[in-house]
Amino acid sequence: MSRTRSPRGARIAAVAYVLAMAAGGLVAGAAHAPSYAEPLLLGLAQPGLNVLYVFVLMPLTVLLGDVGGGVGDAGGRALACGLGAVVNVLLVRAIVCAVRAVAADLPACRKRRTPAR
């Protein structure tokens, strides 16, 4: 199976997105007051946050129990937004790879289905 190459611009955009989300989460968490940026940040990281909660945090809570403590408001928000953004980038990459694989196999499938004349 060949390794897919991603353009340099896509990697730069992905890193910039993750860093911007983490920095925004840090700023929104350090504000100690409700801000308009908070729902926007959580909305942009939403699909990744859902995956993290369901497949990572919920099983850890079941296994370890509620340990309380945790990182502070600013650190927790930055961590949540940053990790949610990382999962979003991985989800987009998986979708792009799947579409490329289907597109590569589509001509072979059409050739097999075409009746011989």
Protein backbone atom coordinates (compact mmCIF):
# COMPACT_ATOMS: atom_id res chain seq x y z
CA MET A 1 0.00 0.00 0.00
CA SER A 2 1.49 3.31 -0.98
CA ARG A 3 1.90 6.05 1.53
CA THR A 4 -0.13 9.13 0.73
CA ARG A 5 1.72 12.40 0.69
CA SER A 6 0.08 15.46 2.09
CA PRO A 7 1.02 18.86 0.73
CA ARG A 8 3.14 21.08 2.91
CA GLY A 9 0.39 23.69 3.07
CA ALA A 10 -2.04 21.19 4.57
CA ARG A 11 0.42 20.31 7.32
CA ILE A 12 1.07 23.96 8.08
CA ALA A 13 -2.67 24.67 8.19
CA ALA A 14 -3.25 21.71 10.52
CA VAL A 15 -0.50 22.80 12.92
CA ALA A 16 -1.72 26.40 12.82
CA TYR A 17 -5.29 25.25 13.58
CA VAL A 18 -4.18 23.15 16.55
CA LEU A 19 -1.96 25.91 17.95
CA ALA A 20 -4.65 28.55 17.48
CA MET A 21 -7.22 26.38 19.25
CA ALA A 22 -4.87 25.68 22.16
CA ALA A 23 -3.90 29.35 22.48
CA GLY A 24 -7.53 30.42 22.26
CA GLY A 25 -8.48 27.92 24.94
CA LEU A 26 -5.70 29.21 27.16
CA VAL A 27 -6.81 32.82 26.72
CA ALA A 28 -10.50 31.98 27.21
CA GLY A 29 -9.73 29.93 30.32
CA ALA A 30 -7.47 32.58 31.83
CA ALA A 31 -10.12 35.28 31.45
CA HIS A 32 -12.01 33.98 34.56
CA ALA A 33 -15.17 35.49 33.10
CA PRO A 34 -17.55 34.22 30.45
CA SER A 35 -16.44 35.41 27.04
CA TYR A 36 -17.85 35.24 23.55
CA ALA A 37 -14.82 33.28 22.36
CA GLU A 38 -15.51 30.31 24.63
CA PRO A 39 -18.54 28.90 22.75
CA LEU A 40 -16.80 29.54 19.44
CA LEU A 41 -13.70 27.61 20.50
CA LEU A 42 -15.70 24.71 21.88
CA GLY A 43 -17.82 24.66 18.72
CA LEU A 44 -14.77 24.52 16.46
CA ALA A 45 -13.29 21.66 18.48
CA GLN A 46 -16.63 19.87 18.89
CA PRO A 47 -16.39 16.68 16.83
CA GLY A 48 -12.95 15.94 18.26
CA LEU A 49 -14.09 16.70 21.79
CA ASN A 50 -16.98 14.26 21.45
CA VAL A 51 -14.63 11.51 20.29
CA LEU A 52 -12.25 12.25 23.18
CA TYR A 53 -15.01 12.22 25.77
CA VAL A 54 -16.60 9.00 24.57
CA PHE A 55 -13.51 6.93 23.78
CA VAL A 56 -10.93 8.31 26.25
CA LEU A 57 -12.36 10.24 29.19
CA MET A 58 -15.44 8.13 29.92
CA PRO A 59 -13.52 4.81 30.00
CA LEU A 60 -10.81 6.39 32.16
CA THR A 61 -13.43 7.67 34.58
CA VAL A 62 -14.99 4.22 34.77
CA LEU A 63 -11.62 2.54 35.34
CA LEU A 64 -10.04 5.06 37.70
CA GLY A 65 -13.04 6.72 39.25
CA ASP A 66 -13.48 10.47 39.54
CA VAL A 67 -10.09 11.69 40.68
CA GLY A 68 -11.23 15.33 40.94
CA GLY A 69 -8.21 17.63 40.93
CA GLY A 70 -7.35 18.02 37.29
CA VAL A 71 -5.70 20.99 35.69
CA GLY A 72 -6.95 24.50 36.26
CA ASP A 73 -9.59 26.26 34.22
CA ALA A 74 -7.13 27.81 31.78
CA GLY A 75 -5.03 24.66 31.39
CA GLY A 76 -8.07 22.43 31.10
CA ARG A 77 -9.68 24.60 28.44
CA ALA A 78 -6.43 24.83 26.45
CA LEU A 79 -5.92 21.07 26.71
CA ALA A 80 -9.50 20.31 25.69
CA CYS A 81 -9.46 22.68 22.71
CA GLY A 82 -6.00 21.56 21.59
CA LEU A 83 -6.72 17.84 21.83
CA GLY A 84 -10.12 18.31 20.20
CA ALA A 85 -8.40 20.10 17.32
CA VAL A 86 -5.84 17.28 16.98
CA VAL A 87 -8.64 14.70 16.76
CA ASN A 88 -10.42 16.89 14.17
CA VAL A 89 -7.27 17.00 12.04
CA LEU A 90 -6.93 13.21 12.27
CA LEU A 91 -10.60 12.74 11.34
CA VAL A 92 -10.23 14.97 8.27
CA ARG A 93 -7.05 13.13 7.24
CA ALA A 94 -8.80 9.76 7.58
CA ILE A 95 -11.72 10.96 5.46
CA VAL A 96 -9.39 12.30 2.77
CA CYS A 97 -7.42 9.03 2.70
CA ALA A 98 -10.64 7.01 2.44
CA VAL A 99 -11.94 9.16 -0.42
CA ARG A 100 -8.60 8.83 -2.24
CA ALA A 101 -8.66 5.04 -1.82
CA VAL A 102 -12.20 4.79 -3.16
CA ALA A 103 -11.36 7.10 -6.06
CA ALA A 104 -8.32 4.99 -6.92
CA ASP A 105 -10.35 1.76 -6.94
CA LEU A 106 -13.34 3.18 -8.78
CA PRO A 107 -11.97 2.80 -12.35
CA ALA A 108 -11.09 -0.86 -11.70
CA CYS A 109 -14.59 -1.52 -10.36
CA ARG A 110 -16.21 0.13 -13.37
CA LYS A 111 -14.02 -1.90 -15.71
CA ARG A 112 -15.11 -5.16 -14.07
CA ARG A 113 -18.80 -4.24 -14.16
CA THR A 114 -18.80 -3.22 -17.81
CA PRO A 115 -20.07 -6.15 -19.90
CA ALA A 116 -17.82 -7.39 -22.69
CA ARG A 117 -19.12 -6.77 -26.20
